[in-house]
């Protein structure tokens, strides 16, 4: 397992360099799990979540799986709000089969007869 820290702030211009650094770290290694440590992130925002998603793509391109370690509840609310909960996993959390995205409710059609 490899640890890759992110923080304390991430701006959009940082994302290509972060992805290049991760790619360099993973290049030539066999597949595994890379833990992205976000404990140092001061104010998570949409750009932080974008960076994590792009780092996840970079890891997958190199045969690795990215899990996220740390982060305050605000970060995880943003991840869920943006629909990325199924792809950005918190370290130690196992995905459930057919897990539904957080915050999504199914709405029934009133014309359907209740069975």
PDB file of N, CA and C in Angstrom:
ATOM      1  N   UNK A   1       0.844  -1.179   0.000  1.00  0.00           N
ATOM      2  CA  UNK A   1       0.000   0.000   0.000  1.00  0.00           C
ATOM      3  C   UNK A   1       0.887   1.239   0.000  1.00  0.00           C
ATOM      4  N   UNK A   2       0.463   2.227  -0.774  1.00  0.00           N
ATOM      5  CA  UNK A   2       1.185   3.486  -0.882  1.00  0.00           C
ATOM      6  C   UNK A   2       0.301   4.599  -0.352  1.00  0.00           C
ATOM      7  N   UNK A   3       0.888   5.552   0.368  1.00  0.00           N
ATOM      8  CA  UNK A   3       0.154   6.712   0.854  1.00  0.00           C
ATOM      9  C   UNK A   3       0.510   7.920   0.006  1.00  0.00           C
ATOM     10  N   UNK A   4      -0.505   8.711  -0.361  1.00  0.00           N
ATOM     11  CA  UNK A   4      -0.321   9.908  -1.177  1.00  0.00           C
ATOM     12  C   UNK A   4      -1.082  11.050  -0.511  1.00  0.00           C
ATOM     13  N   UNK A   5      -0.363  11.988   0.137  1.00  0.00           N
ATOM     14  CA  UNK A   5      -1.048  13.079   0.840  1.00  0.00           C
ATOM     15  C   UNK A   5      -1.521  14.186  -0.108  1.00  0.00           C
ATOM     16  N   UNK A   6      -2.655  14.790   0.243  1.00  0.00           N
ATOM     17  CA  UNK A   6      -3.200  15.932  -0.487  1.00  0.00           C
ATOM     18  C   UNK A   6      -3.564  16.997   0.531  1.00  0.00           C
ATOM     19  N   UNK A   7      -3.192  18.252   0.244  1.00  0.00           N
ATOM     20  CA  UNK A   7      -3.601  19.338   1.134  1.00  0.00           C
ATOM     21  C   UNK A   7      -2.473  20.302   1.381  1.00  0.00           C
ATOM     22  N   UNK A   8      -2.667  21.330   2.134  1.00  0.00           N
ATOM     23  CA  UNK A   8      -3.873  21.711   2.863  1.00  0.00           C
ATOM     24  C   UNK A   8      -4.950  22.363   1.985  1.00  0.00           C
ATOM     25  N   UNK A   9      -4.549  22.961   0.864  1.00  0.00           N
ATOM     26  CA  UNK A   9      -5.534  23.499  -0.074  1.00  0.00           C
ATOM     27  C   UNK A   9      -5.211  22.972  -1.462  1.00  0.00           C
ATOM     28  N   UNK A  10      -6.237  22.850  -2.270  1.00  0.00           N
ATOM     29  CA  UNK A  10      -6.064  22.404  -3.649  1.00  0.00           C
ATOM     30  C   UNK A  10      -6.787  23.406  -4.542  1.00  0.00           C
ATOM     31  N   UNK A  11      -6.063  23.920  -5.523  1.00  0.00           N
ATOM     32  CA  UNK A  11      -6.680  24.776  -6.539  1.00  0.00           C
ATOM     33  C   UNK A  11      -6.650  24.008  -7.849  1.00  0.00           C
ATOM     34  N   UNK A  12      -7.536  24.380  -8.753  1.00  0.00           N
ATOM     35  CA  UNK A  12      -7.676  23.641 -10.005  1.00  0.00           C
ATOM     36  C   UNK A  12      -6.330  23.513 -10.741  1.00  0.00           C
ATOM     37  N   UNK A  13      -5.499  24.522 -10.674  1.00  0.00           N
ATOM     38  CA  UNK A  13      -4.202  24.489 -11.357  1.00  0.00           C
ATOM     39  C   UNK A  13      -3.262  23.424 -10.771  1.00  0.00           C
ATOM     40  N   UNK A  14      -3.515  22.970  -9.544  1.00  0.00           N
ATOM     41  CA  UNK A  14      -2.681  21.941  -8.906  1.00  0.00           C
ATOM     42  C   UNK A  14      -2.990  20.531  -9.411  1.00  0.00           C
ATOM     43  N   UNK A  15      -4.176  20.324  -9.969  1.00  0.00           N
ATOM     44  CA  UNK A  15      -4.634  18.969 -10.285  1.00  0.00           C
ATOM     45  C   UNK A  15      -3.728  18.246 -11.273  1.00  0.00           C
ATOM     46  N   UNK A  16      -3.311  18.858 -12.389  1.00  0.00           N
ATOM     47  CA  UNK A  16      -2.425  18.119 -13.310  1.00  0.00           C
ATOM     48  C   UNK A  16      -1.107  17.682 -12.653  1.00  0.00           C
ATOM     49  N   UNK A  17      -0.537  18.539 -11.807  1.00  0.00           N
ATOM     50  CA  UNK A  17       0.716  18.184 -11.128  1.00  0.00           C
ATOM     51  C   UNK A  17       0.498  17.054 -10.120  1.00  0.00           C
ATOM     52  N   UNK A  18      -0.630  17.104  -9.390  1.00  0.00           N
ATOM     53  CA  UNK A  18      -0.936  16.020  -8.450  1.00  0.00           C
ATOM     54  C   UNK A  18      -1.061  14.688  -9.187  1.00  0.00           C
ATOM     55  N   UNK A  19      -1.776  14.705 -10.317  1.00  0.00           N
ATOM     56  CA  UNK A  19      -1.953  13.470 -11.091  1.00  0.00           C
ATOM     57  C   UNK A  19      -0.625  12.977 -11.661  1.00  0.00           C
ATOM     58  N   UNK A  20       0.211  13.897 -12.124  1.00  0.00           N
ATOM     59  CA  UNK A  20       1.525  13.513 -12.654  1.00  0.00           C
ATOM     60  C   UNK A  20       2.395  12.917 -11.549  1.00  0.00           C
ATOM     61  N   UNK A  21       2.346  13.509 -10.357  1.00  0.00           N
ATOM     62  CA  UNK A  21       3.122  12.980  -9.223  1.00  0.00           C
ATOM     63  C   UNK A  21       2.652  11.578  -8.853  1.00  0.00           C
ATOM     64  N   UNK A  22       1.333  11.369  -8.829  1.00  0.00           N
ATOM     65  CA  UNK A  22       0.812  10.043  -8.504  1.00  0.00           C
ATOM     66  C   UNK A  22       1.194   9.037  -9.587  1.00  0.00           C
ATOM     67  N   UNK A  23       1.077   9.431 -10.847  1.00  0.00           N
ATOM     68  CA  UNK A  23       1.439   8.532 -11.949  1.00  0.00           C
ATOM     69  C   UNK A  23       2.903   8.127 -11.850  1.00  0.00           C
ATOM     70  N   UNK A  24       3.764   9.071 -11.529  1.00  0.00           N
ATOM     71  CA  UNK A  24       5.191   8.769 -11.393  1.00  0.00           C
ATOM     72  C   UNK A  24       5.440   7.803 -10.237  1.00  0.00           C
ATOM     73  N   UNK A  25       4.714   7.991  -9.155  1.00  0.00           N
ATOM     74  CA  UNK A  25       4.854   7.119  -7.990  1.00  0.00           C
ATOM     75  C   UNK A  25       4.420   5.682  -8.299  1.00  0.00           C
ATOM     76  N   UNK A  26       3.378   5.537  -9.130  1.00  0.00           N
ATOM     77  CA  UNK A  26       2.826   4.213  -9.414  1.00  0.00           C
ATOM     78  C   UNK A  26       3.467   3.518 -10.608  1.00  0.00           C
ATOM     79  N   UNK A  27       4.083   4.282 -11.480  1.00  0.00           N
ATOM     80  CA  UNK A  27       4.645   3.731 -12.712  1.00  0.00           C
ATOM     81  C   UNK A  27       5.651   2.612 -12.405  1.00  0.00           C
ATOM     82  N   UNK A  28       5.458   1.487 -13.083  1.00  0.00           N
ATOM     83  CA  UNK A  28       6.376   0.364 -12.954  1.00  0.00           C
ATOM     84  C   UNK A  28       6.099  -0.545 -11.770  1.00  0.00           C
ATOM     85  N   UNK A  29       5.109  -0.248 -10.984  1.00  0.00           N
ATOM     86  CA  UNK A  29       4.755  -1.088  -9.836  1.00  0.00           C
ATOM     87  C   UNK A  29       3.564  -1.967 -10.197  1.00  0.00           C
ATOM     88  N   UNK A  30       3.482  -3.095  -9.542  1.00  0.00           N
ATOM     89  CA  UNK A  30       2.330  -3.972  -9.727  1.00  0.00           C
ATOM     90  C   UNK A  30       1.089  -3.332  -9.137  1.00  0.00           C
ATOM     91  N   UNK A  31      -0.083  -3.863  -9.453  1.00  0.00           N
ATOM     92  CA  UNK A  31      -1.324  -3.277  -8.950  1.00  0.00           C
ATOM     93  C   UNK A  31      -1.438  -3.375  -7.432  1.00  0.00           C
ATOM     94  N   UNK A  32      -2.204  -2.454  -6.877  1.00  0.00           N
ATOM     95  CA  UNK A  32      -2.407  -2.436  -5.436  1.00  0.00           C
ATOM     96  C   UNK A  32      -3.380  -1.343  -5.050  1.00  0.00           C
ATOM     97  N   UNK A  33      -3.262  -0.893  -3.813  1.00  0.00           N
ATOM     98  CA  UNK A  33      -4.136   0.144  -3.286  1.00  0.00           C
ATOM     99  C   UNK A  33      -3.288   1.339  -2.885  1.00  0.00           C
ATOM    100  N   UNK A  34      -3.680   2.511  -3.337  1.00  0.00           N
ATOM    101  CA  UNK A  34      -3.028   3.747  -2.919  1.00  0.00           C
ATOM    102  C   UNK A  34      -4.017   4.508  -2.042  1.00  0.00           C
ATOM    103  N   UNK A  35      -3.537   4.930  -0.884  1.00  0.00           N
ATOM    104  CA  UNK A  35      -4.368   5.667   0.059  1.00  0.00           C
ATOM    105  C   UNK A  35      -4.079   7.148  -0.087  1.00  0.00           C
ATOM    106  N   UNK A  36      -5.100   7.901  -0.439  1.00  0.00           N
ATOM    107  CA  UNK A  36      -4.978   9.342  -0.577  1.00  0.00           C
ATOM    108  C   UNK A  36      -5.360   9.964   0.760  1.00  0.00           C
ATOM    109  N   UNK A  37      -4.375  10.535   1.449  1.00  0.00           N
ATOM    110  CA  UNK A  37      -4.568  11.091   2.778  1.00  0.00           C
ATOM    111  C   UNK A  37      -5.003  12.553   2.660  1.00  0.00           C
ATOM    112  N   UNK A  38      -6.237  12.841   3.098  1.00  0.00           N
ATOM    113  CA  UNK A  38      -6.765  14.204   3.012  1.00  0.00           C
ATOM    114  C   UNK A  38      -6.957  14.837   4.390  1.00  0.00           C
ATOM    115  N   UNK A  39      -6.311  14.285   5.403  1.00  0.00           N
ATOM    116  CA  UNK A  39      -6.415  14.858   6.749  1.00  0.00           C
ATOM    117  C   UNK A  39      -5.925  16.302   6.793  1.00  0.00           C
ATOM    118  N   UNK A  40      -4.976  16.651   5.934  1.00  0.00           N
ATOM    119  CA  UNK A  40      -4.421  18.000   5.936  1.00  0.00           C
ATOM    120  C   UNK A  40      -5.248  19.025   5.191  1.00  0.00           C
ATOM    121  N   UNK A  41      -6.323  18.613   4.537  1.00  0.00           N
ATOM    122  CA  UNK A  41      -7.141  19.557   3.777  1.00  0.00           C
ATOM    123  C   UNK A  41      -7.890  20.464   4.748  1.00  0.00           C
ATOM    124  N   UNK A  42      -7.718  21.782   4.559  1.00  0.00           N
ATOM    125  CA  UNK A  42      -8.294  22.758   5.476  1.00  0.00           C
ATOM    126  C   UNK A  42      -9.766  23.010   5.186  1.00  0.00           C
ATOM    127  N   UNK A  43     -10.088  23.364   3.944  1.00  0.00           N
ATOM    128  CA  UNK A  43     -11.476  23.641   3.554  1.00  0.00           C
ATOM    129  C   UNK A  43     -11.813  22.870   2.294  1.00  0.00           C
ATOM    130  N   UNK A  44     -12.377  21.679   2.439  1.00  0.00           N
ATOM    131  CA  UNK A  44     -12.710  20.912   1.247  1.00  0.00           C
ATOM    132  C   UNK A  44     -13.785  21.620   0.430  1.00  0.00           C
ATOM    133  N   UNK A  45     -13.600  21.582  -0.897  1.00  0.00           N
ATOM    134  CA  UNK A  45     -14.578  22.186  -1.787  1.00  0.00           C
ATOM    135  C   UNK A  45     -14.706  21.333  -3.037  1.00  0.00           C
ATOM    136  N   UNK A  46     -15.421  21.818  -4.018  1.00  0.00           N
ATOM    137  CA  UNK A  46     -15.648  21.063  -5.250  1.00  0.00           C
ATOM    138  C   UNK A  46     -14.328  20.758  -5.950  1.00  0.00           C
ATOM    139  N   UNK A  47     -13.373  21.660  -5.890  1.00  0.00           N
ATOM    140  CA  UNK A  47     -12.073  21.424  -6.526  1.00  0.00           C
ATOM    141  C   UNK A  47     -11.337  20.282  -5.821  1.00  0.00           C
ATOM    142  N   UNK A  48     -11.465  20.200  -4.512  1.00  0.00           N
ATOM    143  CA  UNK A  48     -10.859  19.087  -3.775  1.00  0.00           C
ATOM    144  C   UNK A  48     -11.442  17.761  -4.247  1.00  0.00           C
ATOM    145  N   UNK A  49     -12.760  17.710  -4.393  1.00  0.00           N
ATOM    146  CA  UNK A  49     -13.422  16.482  -4.845  1.00  0.00           C
ATOM    147  C   UNK A  49     -13.014  16.168  -6.283  1.00  0.00           C
ATOM    148  N   UNK A  50     -12.912  17.201  -7.128  1.00  0.00           N
ATOM    149  CA  UNK A  50     -12.454  16.990  -8.509  1.00  0.00           C
ATOM    150  C   UNK A  50     -11.046  16.398  -8.515  1.00  0.00           C
ATOM    151  N   UNK A  51     -10.179  16.935  -7.667  1.00  0.00           N
ATOM    152  CA  UNK A  51      -8.812  16.413  -7.584  1.00  0.00           C
ATOM    153  C   UNK A  51      -8.816  14.942  -7.177  1.00  0.00           C
ATOM    154  N   UNK A  52      -9.631  14.586  -6.190  1.00  0.00           N
ATOM    155  CA  UNK A  52      -9.708  13.194  -5.746  1.00  0.00           C
ATOM    156  C   UNK A  52     -10.226  12.283  -6.860  1.00  0.00           C
ATOM    157  N   UNK A  53     -11.231  12.755  -7.589  1.00  0.00           N
ATOM    158  CA  UNK A  53     -11.764  11.961  -8.697  1.00  0.00           C
ATOM    159  C   UNK A  53     -10.713  11.765  -9.786  1.00  0.00           C
ATOM    160  N   UNK A  54      -9.986  12.802 -10.112  1.00  0.00           N
ATOM    161  CA  UNK A  54      -8.945  12.687 -11.139  1.00  0.00           C
ATOM    162  C   UNK A  54      -7.786  11.819 -10.659  1.00  0.00           C
ATOM    163  N   UNK A  55      -7.453  11.895  -9.370  1.00  0.00           N
ATOM    164  CA  UNK A  55      -6.419  11.011  -8.817  1.00  0.00           C
ATOM    165  C   UNK A  55      -6.888   9.559  -8.876  1.00  0.00           C
ATOM    166  N   UNK A  56      -8.171   9.336  -8.635  1.00  0.00           N
ATOM    167  CA  UNK A  56      -8.721   7.989  -8.756  1.00  0.00           C
ATOM    168  C   UNK A  56      -8.596   7.448 -10.169  1.00  0.00           C
ATOM    169  N   UNK A  57      -8.872   8.293 -11.155  1.00  0.00           N
ATOM    170  CA  UNK A  57      -8.706   7.879 -12.556  1.00  0.00           C
ATOM    171  C   UNK A  57      -7.246   7.567 -12.870  1.00  0.00           C
ATOM    172  N   UNK A  58      -6.352   8.398 -12.373  1.00  0.00           N
ATOM    173  CA  UNK A  58      -4.923   8.173 -12.593  1.00  0.00           C
ATOM    174  C   UNK A  58      -4.497   6.832 -11.997  1.00  0.00           C
ATOM    175  N   UNK A  59      -4.954   6.557 -10.781  1.00  0.00           N
ATOM    176  CA  UNK A  59      -4.614   5.289 -10.136  1.00  0.00           C
ATOM    177  C   UNK A  59      -5.131   4.115 -10.967  1.00  0.00           C
ATOM    178  N   UNK A  60      -6.386   4.186 -11.425  1.00  0.00           N
ATOM    179  CA  UNK A  60      -6.960   3.087 -12.219  1.00  0.00           C
ATOM    180  C   UNK A  60      -6.207   2.880 -13.529  1.00  0.00           C
ATOM    181  N   UNK A  61      -5.759   3.952 -14.140  1.00  0.00           N
ATOM    182  CA  UNK A  61      -4.993   3.828 -15.390  1.00  0.00           C
ATOM    183  C   UNK A  61      -3.692   3.055 -15.188  1.00  0.00           C
ATOM    184  N   UNK A  62      -3.199   3.055 -13.960  1.00  0.00           N
ATOM    185  CA  UNK A  62      -1.961   2.338 -13.648  1.00  0.00           C
ATOM    186  C   UNK A  62      -2.232   1.008 -12.936  1.00  0.00           C
ATOM    187  N   UNK A  63      -3.501   0.581 -12.919  1.00  0.00           N
ATOM    188  CA  UNK A  63      -3.851  -0.708 -12.330  1.00  0.00           C
ATOM    189  C   UNK A  63      -4.024  -0.680 -10.829  1.00  0.00           C
ATOM    190  N   UNK A  64      -4.137   0.495 -10.256  1.00  0.00           N
ATOM    191  CA  UNK A  64      -4.271   0.638  -8.816  1.00  0.00           C
ATOM    192  C   UNK A  64      -5.681   1.072  -8.462  1.00  0.00           C
ATOM    193  N   UNK A  65      -6.035   0.889  -7.199  1.00  0.00           N
ATOM    194  CA  UNK A  65      -7.308   1.358  -6.670  1.00  0.00           C
ATOM    195  C   UNK A  65      -7.004   2.436  -5.646  1.00  0.00           C
ATOM    196  N   UNK A  66      -7.734   3.543  -5.695  1.00  0.00           N
ATOM    197  CA  UNK A  66      -7.524   4.647  -4.769  1.00  0.00           C
ATOM    198  C   UNK A  66      -8.609   4.633  -3.699  1.00  0.00           C
ATOM    199  N   UNK A  67      -8.193   4.724  -2.450  1.00  0.00           N
ATOM    200  CA  UNK A  67      -9.117   4.931  -1.336  1.00  0.00           C
ATOM    201  C   UNK A  67      -8.703   6.217  -0.644  1.00  0.00           C
ATOM    202  N   UNK A  68      -9.657   6.878  -0.017  1.00  0.00           N
ATOM    203  CA  UNK A  68      -9.402   8.164   0.622  1.00  0.00           C
ATOM    204  C   UNK A  68      -9.390   7.973   2.130  1.00  0.00           C
ATOM    205  N   UNK A  69      -8.374   8.524   2.760  1.00  0.00           N
ATOM    206  CA  UNK A  69      -8.218   8.420   4.201  1.00  0.00           C
ATOM    207  C   UNK A  69      -8.380   9.799   4.828  1.00  0.00           C
ATOM    208  N   UNK A  70      -9.203   9.862   5.863  1.00  0.00           N
ATOM    209  CA  UNK A  70      -9.396  11.125   6.572  1.00  0.00           C
ATOM    210  C   UNK A  70     -10.465  11.978   5.917  1.00  0.00           C
ATOM    211  N   UNK A  71     -10.393  13.232   6.165  1.00  0.00           N
ATOM    212  CA  UNK A  71     -11.382  14.153   5.612  1.00  0.00           C
ATOM    213  C   UNK A  71     -12.515  14.359   6.586  1.00  0.00           C
ATOM    214  N   UNK A  72     -12.986  15.586   6.632  1.00  0.00           N
ATOM    215  CA  UNK A  72     -14.082  15.881   7.550  1.00  0.00           C
ATOM    216  C   UNK A  72     -15.421  15.535   6.908  1.00  0.00           C
ATOM    217  N   UNK A  73     -16.484  15.537   7.700  1.00  0.00           N
ATOM    218  CA  UNK A  73     -17.804  15.186   7.161  1.00  0.00           C
ATOM    219  C   UNK A  73     -18.225  16.070   5.983  1.00  0.00           C
ATOM    220  N   UNK A  74     -17.766  17.326   5.961  1.00  0.00           N
ATOM    221  CA  UNK A  74     -18.093  18.219   4.848  1.00  0.00           C
ATOM    222  C   UNK A  74     -17.574  17.690   3.528  1.00  0.00           C
ATOM    223  N   UNK A  75     -16.391  17.113   3.542  1.00  0.00           N
ATOM    224  CA  UNK A  75     -15.834  16.528   2.317  1.00  0.00           C
ATOM    225  C   UNK A  75     -16.719  15.392   1.840  1.00  0.00           C
ATOM    226  N   UNK A  76     -17.129  14.526   2.761  1.00  0.00           N
ATOM    227  CA  UNK A  76     -17.928  13.355   2.369  1.00  0.00           C
ATOM    228  C   UNK A  76     -19.326  13.750   1.923  1.00  0.00           C
ATOM    229  N   UNK A  77     -19.863  14.856   2.490  1.00  0.00           N
ATOM    230  CA  UNK A  77     -21.162  15.364   2.004  1.00  0.00           C
ATOM    231  C   UNK A  77     -21.024  15.870   0.572  1.00  0.00           C
ATOM    232  N   UNK A  78     -19.928  16.563   0.287  1.00  0.00           N
ATOM    233  CA  UNK A  78     -19.689  17.033  -1.083  1.00  0.00           C
ATOM    234  C   UNK A  78     -19.531  15.871  -2.053  1.00  0.00           C
ATOM    235  N   UNK A  79     -18.788  14.864  -1.648  1.00  0.00           N
ATOM    236  CA  UNK A  79     -18.594  13.680  -2.494  1.00  0.00           C
ATOM    237  C   UNK A  79     -19.951  13.062  -2.830  1.00  0.00           C
ATOM    238  N   UNK A  80     -20.816  12.926  -1.828  1.00  0.00           N
ATOM    239  CA  UNK A  80     -22.141  12.348  -2.051  1.00  0.00           C
ATOM    240  C   UNK A  80     -23.000  13.262  -2.922  1.00  0.00           C
ATOM    241  N   UNK A  81     -22.969  14.560  -2.641  1.00  0.00           N
ATOM    242  CA  UNK A  81     -23.760  15.523  -3.397  1.00  0.00           C
ATOM    243  C   UNK A  81     -23.388  15.511  -4.879  1.00  0.00           C
ATOM    244  N   UNK A  82     -22.114  15.335  -5.165  1.00  0.00           N
ATOM    245  CA  UNK A  82     -21.637  15.321  -6.548  1.00  0.00           C
ATOM    246  C   UNK A  82     -21.792  13.956  -7.211  1.00  0.00           C
ATOM    247  N   UNK A  83     -22.346  12.990  -6.473  1.00  0.00           N
ATOM    248  CA  UNK A  83     -22.602  11.667  -7.047  1.00  0.00           C
ATOM    249  C   UNK A  83     -21.366  10.799  -7.169  1.00  0.00           C
ATOM    250  N   UNK A  84     -20.321  11.118  -6.421  1.00  0.00           N
ATOM    251  CA  UNK A  84     -19.066  10.370  -6.537  1.00  0.00           C
ATOM    252  C   UNK A  84     -18.835   9.384  -5.394  1.00  0.00           C
ATOM    253  N   UNK A  85     -19.824   9.219  -4.517  1.00  0.00           N
ATOM    254  CA  UNK A  85     -19.677   8.269  -3.409  1.00  0.00           C
ATOM    255  C   UNK A  85     -19.371   6.852  -3.888  1.00  0.00           C
ATOM    256  N   UNK A  86     -19.963   6.391  -5.001  1.00  0.00           N
ATOM    257  CA  UNK A  86     -19.641   5.032  -5.454  1.00  0.00           C
ATOM    258  C   UNK A  86     -18.197   4.856  -5.928  1.00  0.00           C
ATOM    259  N   UNK A  87     -17.525   5.931  -6.330  1.00  0.00           N
ATOM    260  CA  UNK A  87     -16.162   5.785  -6.849  1.00  0.00           C
ATOM    261  C   UNK A  87     -15.086   6.294  -5.900  1.00  0.00           C
ATOM    262  N   UNK A  88     -15.440   7.188  -4.999  1.00  0.00           N
ATOM    263  CA  UNK A  88     -14.465   7.666  -4.016  1.00  0.00           C
ATOM    264  C   UNK A  88     -14.797   7.031  -2.684  1.00  0.00           C
ATOM    265  N   UNK A  89     -14.051   6.018  -2.326  1.00  0.00           N
ATOM    266  CA  UNK A  89     -14.300   5.244  -1.112  1.00  0.00           C
ATOM    267  C   UNK A  89     -13.425   5.737   0.022  1.00  0.00           C
ATOM    268  N   UNK A  90     -14.020   5.770   1.203  1.00  0.00           N
ATOM    269  CA  UNK A  90     -13.266   6.095   2.395  1.00  0.00           C
ATOM    270  C   UNK A  90     -12.502   4.858   2.834  1.00  0.00           C
ATOM    271  N   UNK A  91     -11.260   5.042   3.228  1.00  0.00           N
ATOM    272  CA  UNK A  91     -10.420   3.936   3.673  1.00  0.00           C
ATOM    273  C   UNK A  91     -11.104   3.183   4.790  1.00  0.00           C
ATOM    274  N   UNK A  92     -11.111   1.850   4.674  1.00  0.00           N
ATOM    275  CA  UNK A  92     -11.718   1.008   5.691  1.00  0.00           C
ATOM    276  C   UNK A  92     -13.182   0.735   5.454  1.00  0.00           C
ATOM    277  N   UNK A  93     -13.777   1.392   4.477  1.00  0.00           N
ATOM    278  CA  UNK A  93     -15.200   1.186   4.170  1.00  0.00           C
ATOM    279  C   UNK A  93     -15.298   0.278   2.963  1.00  0.00           C
ATOM    280  N   UNK A  94     -16.048  -0.792   3.110  1.00  0.00           N
ATOM    281  CA  UNK A  94     -16.232  -1.740   2.024  1.00  0.00           C
ATOM    282  C   UNK A  94     -17.488  -1.389   1.233  1.00  0.00           C
ATOM    283  N   UNK A  95     -17.404  -1.369  -0.088  1.00  0.00           N
ATOM    284  CA  UNK A  95     -18.601  -1.100  -0.870  1.00  0.00           C
ATOM    285  C   UNK A  95     -19.594  -2.242  -0.747  1.00  0.00           C
ATOM    286  N   UNK A  96     -20.858  -1.900  -0.685  1.00  0.00           N
ATOM    287  CA  UNK A  96     -21.896  -2.909  -0.624  1.00  0.00           C
ATOM    288  C   UNK A  96     -22.399  -3.179  -2.030  1.00  0.00           C
ATOM    289  N   UNK A  97     -22.886  -4.388  -2.247  1.00  0.00           N
ATOM    290  CA  UNK A  97     -23.438  -4.718  -3.549  1.00  0.00           C
ATOM    291  C   UNK A  97     -24.621  -3.824  -3.836  1.00  0.00           C
ATOM    292  N   UNK A  98     -24.673  -3.326  -5.055  1.00  0.00           N
ATOM    293  CA  UNK A  98     -25.774  -2.496  -5.535  1.00  0.00           C
ATOM    294  C   UNK A  98     -26.052  -1.325  -4.597  1.00  0.00           C
ATOM    295  N   UNK A  99     -24.971  -0.729  -4.054  1.00  0.00           N
ATOM    296  CA  UNK A  99     -25.119   0.389  -3.146  1.00  0.00           C
ATOM    297  C   UNK A  99     -25.666   1.599  -3.893  1.00  0.00           C
ATOM    298  N   UNK A 100     -26.644   2.254  -3.314  1.00  0.00           N
ATOM    299  CA  UNK A 100     -27.260   3.414  -3.932  1.00  0.00           C
ATOM    300  C   UNK A 100     -26.499   4.664  -3.520  1.00  0.00           C
ATOM    301  N   UNK A 101     -26.396   5.630  -4.434  1.00  0.00           N
ATOM    302  CA  UNK A 101     -25.730   6.886  -4.119  1.00  0.00           C
ATOM    303  C   UNK A 101     -26.467   7.570  -2.965  1.00  0.00           C
ATOM    304  N   UNK A 102     -25.696   8.182  -2.059  1.00  0.00           N
ATOM    305  CA  UNK A 102     -26.288   8.848  -0.909  1.00  0.00           C
ATOM    306  C   UNK A 102     -27.105  10.049  -1.357  1.00  0.00           C
ATOM    307  N   UNK A 103     -28.205  10.294  -0.667  1.00  0.00           N
ATOM    308  CA  UNK A 103     -29.002  11.467  -0.942  1.00  0.00           C
ATOM    309  C   UNK A 103     -29.941  11.322  -2.129  1.00  0.00           C
ATOM    310  N   UNK A 104     -30.053  10.132  -2.680  1.00  0.00           N
ATOM    311  CA  UNK A 104     -30.932   9.914  -3.821  1.00  0.00           C
ATOM    312  C   UNK A 104     -32.141   9.129  -3.346  1.00  0.00           C
ATOM    313  N   UNK A 105     -33.311   9.656  -3.615  1.00  0.00           N
ATOM    314  CA  UNK A 105     -34.533   8.958  -3.246  1.00  0.00           C
ATOM    315  C   UNK A 105     -35.303   8.624  -4.504  1.00  0.00           C
ATOM    316  N   UNK A 106     -35.893   7.450  -4.499  1.00  0.00           N
ATOM    317  CA  UNK A 106     -36.703   7.034  -5.633  1.00  0.00           C
ATOM    318  C   UNK A 106     -38.100   7.610  -5.456  1.00  0.00           C
ATOM    319  N   UNK A 107     -38.607   8.182  -6.536  1.00  0.00           N
ATOM    320  CA  UNK A 107     -39.935   8.778  -6.490  1.00  0.00           C
ATOM    321  C   UNK A 107     -40.867   7.897  -7.296  1.00  0.00           C
ATOM    322  N   UNK A 108     -41.999   7.546  -6.709  1.00  0.00           N
ATOM    323  CA  UNK A 108     -42.973   6.712  -7.400  1.00  0.00           C
ATOM    324  C   UNK A 108     -43.882   7.544  -8.298  1.00  0.00           C
ATOM    325  N   UNK A 109     -44.438   6.930  -9.281  1.00  0.00           N
ATOM    326  CA  UNK A 109     -45.373   7.563 -10.189  1.00  0.00           C
ATOM    327  C   UNK A 109     -46.774   7.391  -9.597  1.00  0.00           C
ATOM    328  N   UNK A 110     -47.471   8.500  -9.311  1.00  0.00           N
ATOM    329  CA  UNK A 110     -48.791   8.390  -8.679  1.00  0.00           C
ATOM    330  C   UNK A 110     -49.810   7.624  -9.542  1.00  0.00           C
ATOM    331  N   UNK A 111     -49.558   7.497 -10.836  1.00  0.00           N
ATOM    332  CA  UNK A 111     -50.463   6.769 -11.715  1.00  0.00           C
ATOM    333  C   UNK A 111     -50.298   5.259 -11.579  1.00  0.00           C
ATOM    334  N   UNK A 112     -49.149   4.817 -11.010  1.00  0.00           N
ATOM    335  CA  UNK A 112     -48.941   3.374 -10.804  1.00  0.00           C
ATOM    336  C   UNK A 112     -49.821   2.897  -9.657  1.00  0.00           C
ATOM    337  N   UNK A 113     -50.483   1.776  -9.874  1.00  0.00           N
ATOM    338  CA  UNK A 113     -51.324   1.197  -8.817  1.00  0.00           C
ATOM    339  C   UNK A 113     -50.436   0.562  -7.760  1.00  0.00           C
ATOM    340  N   UNK A 114     -50.740   0.805  -6.527  1.00  0.00           N
ATOM    341  CA  UNK A 114     -49.987   0.176  -5.439  1.00  0.00           C
ATOM    342  C   UNK A 114     -50.368  -1.288  -5.381  1.00  0.00           C
ATOM    343  N   UNK A 115     -49.352  -2.148  -5.291  1.00  0.00           N
ATOM    344  CA  UNK A 115     -49.623  -3.568  -5.349  1.00  0.00           C
ATOM    345  C   UNK A 115     -49.741  -4.157  -4.044  1.00  0.00           C
TER     346      UNK A 115
END
